[in-house]
Amino acid sequence: MHAYRKPAREQPDTGTSLVTFTLLLTAPAILAAAALRPRSRSTARRGRRG
């Protein structure tokens, strides 16, 4: 039986997984990009139809 080896790099004990941290970091940026996206195309299409 092999002796237990510690991983070379210990994970932080913050309780936040890497996936959660990544989502918390990227979600606001994605939402901001969607909110600030120019909407001139849809406005121009509506003007042509009417």
C-alpha atoms as a PDB file:
ATOM      1  CA  MET A   1       0.000   0.000   0.000  1.00  0.00           C
ATOM      2  CA  HIS A   2       1.315   3.414  -0.944  1.00  0.00           C
ATOM      3  CA  ALA A   3       1.683   6.230   1.530  1.00  0.00           C
ATOM      4  CA  TYR A   4      -0.626   9.187   1.082  1.00  0.00           C
ATOM      5  CA  ARG A   5       1.006  12.090  -0.728  1.00  0.00           C
ATOM      6  CA  LYS A   6      -0.120  15.649  -0.415  1.00  0.00           C
ATOM      7  CA  PRO A   7      -0.901  17.395  -3.699  1.00  0.00           C
ATOM      8  CA  ALA A   8       1.880  19.619  -4.995  1.00  0.00           C
ATOM      9  CA  ARG A   9      -0.395  22.652  -4.785  1.00  0.00           C
ATOM     10  CA  GLU A  10      -2.955  22.918  -2.008  1.00  0.00           C
ATOM     11  CA  GLN A  11      -6.339  24.327  -2.849  1.00  0.00           C
ATOM     12  CA  PRO A  12      -7.442  27.390  -0.898  1.00  0.00           C
ATOM     13  CA  ASP A  13      -9.810  26.805   2.007  1.00  0.00           C
ATOM     14  CA  THR A  14     -12.066  29.689   1.039  1.00  0.00           C
ATOM     15  CA  GLY A  15     -15.004  27.385   0.313  1.00  0.00           C
ATOM     16  CA  THR A  16     -15.454  28.797  -3.195  1.00  0.00           C
ATOM     17  CA  SER A  17     -14.841  26.406  -6.044  1.00  0.00           C
ATOM     18  CA  LEU A  18     -12.985  27.452  -9.162  1.00  0.00           C
ATOM     19  CA  VAL A  19     -16.172  27.167 -11.235  1.00  0.00           C
ATOM     20  CA  THR A  20     -18.117  29.409  -8.858  1.00  0.00           C
ATOM     21  CA  PHE A  21     -15.303  31.936  -8.763  1.00  0.00           C
ATOM     22  CA  THR A  22     -15.119  31.988 -12.569  1.00  0.00           C
ATOM     23  CA  LEU A  23     -18.869  32.497 -12.892  1.00  0.00           C
ATOM     24  CA  LEU A  24     -18.870  35.292 -10.339  1.00  0.00           C
ATOM     25  CA  LEU A  25     -16.050  36.952 -12.211  1.00  0.00           C
ATOM     26  CA  THR A  26     -17.409  36.629 -15.755  1.00  0.00           C
ATOM     27  CA  ALA A  27     -21.185  36.969 -15.276  1.00  0.00           C
ATOM     28  CA  PRO A  28     -21.145  40.731 -14.551  1.00  0.00           C
ATOM     29  CA  ALA A  29     -18.918  41.342 -17.560  1.00  0.00           C
ATOM     30  CA  ILE A  30     -21.246  39.385 -19.852  1.00  0.00           C
ATOM     31  CA  LEU A  31     -24.314  41.167 -18.505  1.00  0.00           C
ATOM     32  CA  ALA A  32     -22.643  44.553 -18.903  1.00  0.00           C
ATOM     33  CA  ALA A  33     -21.643  43.758 -22.480  1.00  0.00           C
ATOM     34  CA  ALA A  34     -25.217  42.735 -23.293  1.00  0.00           C
ATOM     35  CA  ALA A  35     -26.634  45.878 -21.676  1.00  0.00           C
ATOM     36  CA  LEU A  36     -24.201  48.222 -23.432  1.00  0.00           C
ATOM     37  CA  ARG A  37     -24.524  46.585 -26.844  1.00  0.00           C
ATOM     38  CA  PRO A  38     -25.689  49.033 -29.489  1.00  0.00           C
ATOM     39  CA  ARG A  39     -29.254  48.409 -30.597  1.00  0.00           C
ATOM     40  CA  SER A  40     -29.199  50.496 -33.768  1.00  0.00           C
ATOM     41  CA  ARG A  41     -29.865  47.483 -36.027  1.00  0.00           C
ATOM     42  CA  SER A  42     -33.204  46.583 -34.453  1.00  0.00           C
ATOM     43  CA  THR A  43     -34.263  50.250 -34.403  1.00  0.00           C
ATOM     44  CA  ALA A  44     -33.406  50.644 -38.079  1.00  0.00           C
ATOM     45  CA  ARG A  45     -35.383  47.534 -39.004  1.00  0.00           C
ATOM     46  CA  ARG A  46     -38.440  48.794 -37.182  1.00  0.00           C
ATOM     47  CA  GLY A  47     -38.200  52.127 -38.998  1.00  0.00           C
ATOM     48  CA  ARG A  48     -38.095  50.443 -42.405  1.00  0.00           C
ATOM     49  CA  ARG A  49     -41.133  48.263 -41.745  1.00  0.00           C
ATOM     50  CA  GLY A  50     -43.300  51.105 -40.469  1.00  0.00           C
END
